């Protein structure tokens, strides 16, 4: 059984604003994290990603790219992507809402 099959968070296929924004009125969340392998998934928000340590394969749709320390990229909401073969991967994710919440 794969790690993704054992971990329901890693196996999640869609991440919504409610999953990651603690404050419902916040437009941005900065989230440093250690990143394990994930299943292919997408977001309903934009993500700026800064690789601060380690390596991985980052799959976006059918395209794969090796990540190393110092890499940075943008994941637009709704793009499907996954992390594979992670080794000590640490990221800083800057999550940005694509819509303004009703307050």
N, C-alpha and C. Protein backbone atom coordinates (compact mmCIF):
# COMPACT_ATOMS: atom_id res chain seq x y z
N UNK A 1 0.84 -1.18 0.00
CA UNK A 1 0.00 0.00 0.00
C UNK A 1 0.89 1.24 0.00
N UNK A 2 0.54 2.25 -0.81
CA UNK A 2 1.36 3.46 -0.92
C UNK A 2 1.09 4.39 0.25
N UNK A 3 2.00 5.32 0.45
CA UNK A 3 1.84 6.31 1.51
C UNK A 3 0.57 7.13 1.28
N UNK A 4 0.31 7.50 0.02
CA UNK A 4 -0.89 8.28 -0.29
C UNK A 4 -2.15 7.52 0.08
N UNK A 5 -2.15 6.19 -0.10
CA UNK A 5 -3.33 5.40 0.25
C UNK A 5 -3.53 5.37 1.76
N UNK A 6 -2.45 5.49 2.54
CA UNK A 6 -2.55 5.46 3.99
C UNK A 6 -2.88 6.82 4.58
N UNK A 7 -2.56 7.88 3.91
CA UNK A 7 -2.72 9.23 4.42
C UNK A 7 -3.82 9.96 3.65
N UNK A 8 -5.00 10.18 4.25
CA UNK A 8 -6.09 10.81 3.51
C UNK A 8 -5.78 12.24 3.08
N UNK A 9 -4.92 12.96 3.81
CA UNK A 9 -4.54 14.31 3.38
C UNK A 9 -3.69 14.24 2.13
N UNK A 10 -2.70 13.34 2.10
CA UNK A 10 -1.84 13.20 0.92
C UNK A 10 -2.63 12.74 -0.29
N UNK A 11 -3.73 12.01 -0.08
CA UNK A 11 -4.53 11.48 -1.18
C UNK A 11 -5.62 12.44 -1.65
N UNK A 12 -5.78 13.57 -0.97
CA UNK A 12 -6.83 14.54 -1.34
C UNK A 12 -6.61 15.02 -2.77
N UNK A 13 -7.67 15.13 -3.55
CA UNK A 13 -7.53 15.53 -4.95
C UNK A 13 -7.89 16.98 -5.21
N UNK A 14 -8.66 17.60 -4.30
CA UNK A 14 -9.02 19.02 -4.45
C UNK A 14 -8.86 19.70 -3.10
N UNK A 15 -8.12 20.81 -3.07
CA UNK A 15 -7.95 21.61 -1.86
C UNK A 15 -8.72 22.90 -2.05
N UNK A 16 -9.65 23.20 -1.16
CA UNK A 16 -10.43 24.43 -1.25
C UNK A 16 -9.87 25.48 -0.30
N UNK A 17 -10.37 26.70 -0.38
CA UNK A 17 -9.95 27.78 0.51
C UNK A 17 -10.13 27.36 1.97
N UNK A 18 -11.25 26.73 2.26
CA UNK A 18 -11.58 26.35 3.64
C UNK A 18 -10.57 25.36 4.22
N UNK A 19 -9.90 24.60 3.36
CA UNK A 19 -8.90 23.62 3.82
C UNK A 19 -7.62 24.27 4.33
N UNK A 20 -7.28 25.45 3.83
CA UNK A 20 -5.97 26.02 4.15
C UNK A 20 -6.00 27.41 4.79
N UNK A 21 -7.06 28.17 4.61
CA UNK A 21 -7.11 29.51 5.19
C UNK A 21 -7.79 29.44 6.55
N UNK A 22 -7.01 29.67 7.61
CA UNK A 22 -7.52 29.58 8.97
C UNK A 22 -8.54 30.69 9.22
N UNK A 23 -8.21 31.90 8.83
CA UNK A 23 -9.10 33.04 8.98
C UNK A 23 -9.93 33.16 7.69
N UNK A 24 -11.25 33.09 7.78
CA UNK A 24 -12.06 33.12 6.56
C UNK A 24 -11.99 34.44 5.80
N UNK A 25 -11.46 35.51 6.43
CA UNK A 25 -11.35 36.80 5.73
C UNK A 25 -9.96 37.04 5.17
N UNK A 26 -9.00 36.17 5.48
CA UNK A 26 -7.62 36.33 5.03
C UNK A 26 -7.50 36.07 3.52
N UNK A 27 -6.70 36.90 2.88
CA UNK A 27 -6.45 36.73 1.44
C UNK A 27 -5.18 35.95 1.15
N UNK A 28 -4.25 35.91 2.13
CA UNK A 28 -2.94 35.28 1.93
C UNK A 28 -2.58 34.48 3.17
N UNK A 29 -1.93 33.34 2.95
CA UNK A 29 -1.38 32.55 4.06
C UNK A 29 0.02 32.10 3.67
N UNK A 30 0.99 32.33 4.52
CA UNK A 30 2.37 31.86 4.31
C UNK A 30 2.53 30.61 5.16
N UNK A 31 2.98 29.54 4.50
CA UNK A 31 3.00 28.24 5.17
C UNK A 31 4.31 27.51 4.89
N UNK A 32 5.31 27.62 5.78
CA UNK A 32 6.52 26.80 5.64
C UNK A 32 6.16 25.36 5.99
N UNK A 33 6.71 24.40 5.26
CA UNK A 33 6.37 23.00 5.55
C UNK A 33 7.38 22.04 4.97
N UNK A 34 7.44 20.86 5.58
CA UNK A 34 8.14 19.73 5.01
C UNK A 34 7.14 19.07 4.08
N UNK A 35 7.56 18.73 2.88
CA UNK A 35 6.62 18.20 1.89
C UNK A 35 6.94 16.74 1.57
N UNK A 36 5.98 15.87 1.80
CA UNK A 36 6.09 14.46 1.44
C UNK A 36 5.49 14.25 0.05
N UNK A 37 5.58 13.03 -0.46
CA UNK A 37 4.94 12.69 -1.73
C UNK A 37 3.43 12.93 -1.63
N UNK A 38 2.82 13.36 -2.72
CA UNK A 38 1.37 13.57 -2.76
C UNK A 38 0.79 12.90 -3.99
N UNK A 39 -0.50 12.67 -3.94
CA UNK A 39 -1.25 12.24 -5.11
C UNK A 39 -1.46 13.47 -6.00
N UNK A 40 -1.81 13.25 -7.25
CA UNK A 40 -2.14 14.35 -8.15
C UNK A 40 -3.34 15.08 -7.54
N UNK A 41 -3.24 16.42 -7.43
CA UNK A 41 -4.30 17.21 -6.83
C UNK A 41 -4.34 18.59 -7.44
N UNK A 42 -5.36 19.35 -7.08
CA UNK A 42 -5.46 20.74 -7.55
C UNK A 42 -5.98 21.60 -6.42
N UNK A 43 -5.91 22.92 -6.61
CA UNK A 43 -6.31 23.88 -5.59
C UNK A 43 -7.38 24.79 -6.14
N UNK A 44 -8.07 25.42 -5.24
CA UNK A 44 -9.00 26.48 -5.62
C UNK A 44 -8.43 27.82 -5.19
N UNK A 45 -7.10 27.93 -5.21
CA UNK A 45 -6.37 29.15 -4.86
C UNK A 45 -5.04 29.09 -5.60
N UNK A 46 -4.34 30.21 -5.65
CA UNK A 46 -3.03 30.28 -6.29
C UNK A 46 -1.95 30.05 -5.23
N UNK A 47 -0.87 29.41 -5.64
CA UNK A 47 0.20 29.06 -4.71
C UNK A 47 1.55 29.49 -5.29
N UNK A 48 2.29 30.31 -4.55
CA UNK A 48 3.68 30.62 -4.88
C UNK A 48 4.51 29.66 -4.04
N UNK A 49 5.43 28.95 -4.67
CA UNK A 49 6.20 27.92 -3.96
C UNK A 49 7.69 28.25 -4.04
N UNK A 50 8.35 28.22 -2.88
CA UNK A 50 9.79 28.42 -2.79
C UNK A 50 10.38 27.16 -2.18
N UNK A 51 11.32 26.52 -2.88
CA UNK A 51 11.97 25.31 -2.37
C UNK A 51 13.17 25.76 -1.54
N UNK A 52 13.13 25.44 -0.23
CA UNK A 52 14.20 25.89 0.67
C UNK A 52 15.19 24.78 1.01
N UNK A 53 14.84 23.51 0.74
CA UNK A 53 15.76 22.40 0.99
C UNK A 53 15.24 21.16 0.28
N UNK A 54 16.16 20.23 0.01
CA UNK A 54 15.78 18.93 -0.52
C UNK A 54 15.56 18.89 -2.02
N UNK A 55 15.01 17.75 -2.45
CA UNK A 55 14.75 17.51 -3.87
C UNK A 55 13.42 16.77 -4.03
N UNK A 56 12.91 16.79 -5.24
CA UNK A 56 11.68 16.05 -5.57
C UNK A 56 11.47 16.10 -7.07
N UNK A 57 10.52 15.33 -7.51
CA UNK A 57 9.98 15.44 -8.86
C UNK A 57 8.63 16.13 -8.72
N UNK A 58 8.41 17.19 -9.48
CA UNK A 58 7.14 17.91 -9.46
C UNK A 58 6.44 17.64 -10.78
N UNK A 59 5.29 16.99 -10.70
CA UNK A 59 4.51 16.69 -11.90
C UNK A 59 3.39 17.72 -12.01
N UNK A 60 3.28 18.34 -13.17
CA UNK A 60 2.18 19.25 -13.48
C UNK A 60 1.52 18.69 -14.73
N UNK A 61 0.33 18.12 -14.55
CA UNK A 61 -0.29 17.40 -15.65
C UNK A 61 0.63 16.25 -16.04
N UNK A 62 0.98 16.17 -17.32
CA UNK A 62 1.85 15.09 -17.80
C UNK A 62 3.33 15.49 -17.81
N UNK A 63 3.65 16.71 -17.40
CA UNK A 63 5.03 17.20 -17.41
C UNK A 63 5.66 17.00 -16.03
N UNK A 64 6.92 16.50 -16.00
CA UNK A 64 7.63 16.34 -14.74
C UNK A 64 8.92 17.15 -14.77
N UNK A 65 9.26 17.69 -13.61
CA UNK A 65 10.46 18.52 -13.49
C UNK A 65 11.11 18.24 -12.14
N UNK A 66 12.42 18.18 -12.12
CA UNK A 66 13.16 17.96 -10.87
C UNK A 66 13.22 19.28 -10.12
N UNK A 67 12.91 19.24 -8.81
CA UNK A 67 13.01 20.41 -7.95
C UNK A 67 14.25 20.29 -7.07
N UNK A 68 14.93 21.41 -6.85
CA UNK A 68 16.06 21.47 -5.94
C UNK A 68 16.00 22.79 -5.17
N UNK A 69 16.82 22.88 -4.13
CA UNK A 69 16.88 24.08 -3.31
C UNK A 69 17.08 25.32 -4.18
N UNK A 70 16.28 26.35 -3.94
CA UNK A 70 16.38 27.60 -4.69
C UNK A 70 15.34 27.72 -5.78
N UNK A 71 14.70 26.62 -6.17
CA UNK A 71 13.66 26.70 -7.19
C UNK A 71 12.45 27.45 -6.64
N UNK A 72 11.70 28.07 -7.53
CA UNK A 72 10.47 28.75 -7.18
C UNK A 72 9.55 28.69 -8.39
N UNK A 73 8.25 28.64 -8.11
CA UNK A 73 7.27 28.56 -9.19
C UNK A 73 5.90 28.95 -8.69
N UNK A 74 4.99 29.17 -9.62
CA UNK A 74 3.60 29.52 -9.33
C UNK A 74 2.71 28.38 -9.79
N UNK A 75 1.77 28.00 -8.93
CA UNK A 75 0.74 27.04 -9.30
C UNK A 75 -0.59 27.78 -9.30
N UNK A 76 -1.13 28.00 -10.49
CA UNK A 76 -2.44 28.65 -10.58
C UNK A 76 -3.51 27.70 -10.08
N UNK A 77 -4.55 28.25 -9.50
CA UNK A 77 -5.67 27.44 -9.05
C UNK A 77 -6.17 26.57 -10.19
N UNK A 78 -6.53 25.35 -9.87
CA UNK A 78 -7.08 24.36 -10.79
C UNK A 78 -6.04 23.59 -11.59
N UNK A 79 -4.75 23.97 -11.59
CA UNK A 79 -3.73 23.15 -12.25
C UNK A 79 -3.49 21.90 -11.41
N UNK A 80 -3.52 20.74 -12.02
CA UNK A 80 -3.28 19.48 -11.32
C UNK A 80 -1.78 19.25 -11.19
N UNK A 81 -1.35 18.89 -9.97
CA UNK A 81 0.08 18.64 -9.76
C UNK A 81 0.29 17.67 -8.62
N UNK A 82 1.53 17.14 -8.53
CA UNK A 82 1.89 16.19 -7.48
C UNK A 82 3.38 16.30 -7.20
N UNK A 83 3.77 15.91 -5.98
CA UNK A 83 5.18 15.80 -5.62
C UNK A 83 5.50 14.32 -5.52
N UNK A 84 6.61 13.91 -6.15
CA UNK A 84 7.04 12.51 -6.13
C UNK A 84 8.52 12.44 -5.77
N UNK A 85 8.91 11.30 -5.24
CA UNK A 85 10.32 11.05 -4.90
C UNK A 85 10.91 12.19 -4.08
N UNK A 86 10.16 12.65 -3.08
CA UNK A 86 10.64 13.73 -2.22
C UNK A 86 11.75 13.22 -1.30
N UNK A 87 12.78 14.03 -1.17
CA UNK A 87 13.91 13.72 -0.28
C UNK A 87 14.26 14.99 0.49
N UNK A 88 13.80 15.06 1.74
CA UNK A 88 14.09 16.22 2.58
C UNK A 88 13.52 17.51 2.03
N UNK A 89 12.42 17.43 1.28
CA UNK A 89 11.86 18.61 0.62
C UNK A 89 11.19 19.53 1.63
N UNK A 90 11.64 20.77 1.63
CA UNK A 90 11.04 21.81 2.47
C UNK A 90 10.63 22.97 1.57
N UNK A 91 9.42 23.46 1.80
CA UNK A 91 8.85 24.51 0.97
C UNK A 91 8.37 25.66 1.83
N UNK A 92 8.30 26.82 1.22
CA UNK A 92 7.50 27.91 1.76
C UNK A 92 6.42 28.14 0.72
N UNK A 93 5.17 27.90 1.12
CA UNK A 93 4.03 28.11 0.24
C UNK A 93 3.37 29.43 0.61
N UNK A 94 3.18 30.30 -0.37
CA UNK A 94 2.41 31.52 -0.18
C UNK A 94 1.11 31.28 -0.92
N UNK A 95 0.04 31.09 -0.14
CA UNK A 95 -1.27 30.74 -0.69
C UNK A 95 -2.10 32.01 -0.83
N UNK A 96 -2.69 32.20 -2.01
CA UNK A 96 -3.44 33.43 -2.31
C UNK A 96 -4.83 33.05 -2.80
N UNK A 97 -5.83 33.59 -2.14
CA UNK A 97 -7.21 33.33 -2.57
C UNK A 97 -7.44 33.87 -3.97
N UNK A 98 -8.21 33.13 -4.75
CA UNK A 98 -8.58 33.59 -6.09
C UNK A 98 -9.87 34.39 -6.08
N UNK A 99 -10.54 34.39 -4.95
CA UNK A 99 -11.79 35.14 -4.84
C UNK A 99 -11.81 35.87 -3.50
N UNK A 100 -12.56 36.94 -3.43
CA UNK A 100 -12.70 37.68 -2.20
C UNK A 100 -13.86 37.09 -1.41
N UNK A 101 -13.61 36.66 -0.17
CA UNK A 101 -14.70 36.05 0.60
C UNK A 101 -15.75 37.08 1.00
N UNK A 102 -16.97 36.61 1.18
CA UNK A 102 -18.05 37.49 1.68
C UNK A 102 -17.83 37.72 3.16
N UNK A 103 -17.85 38.97 3.59
CA UNK A 103 -17.66 39.27 5.01
C UNK A 103 -18.82 40.08 5.54
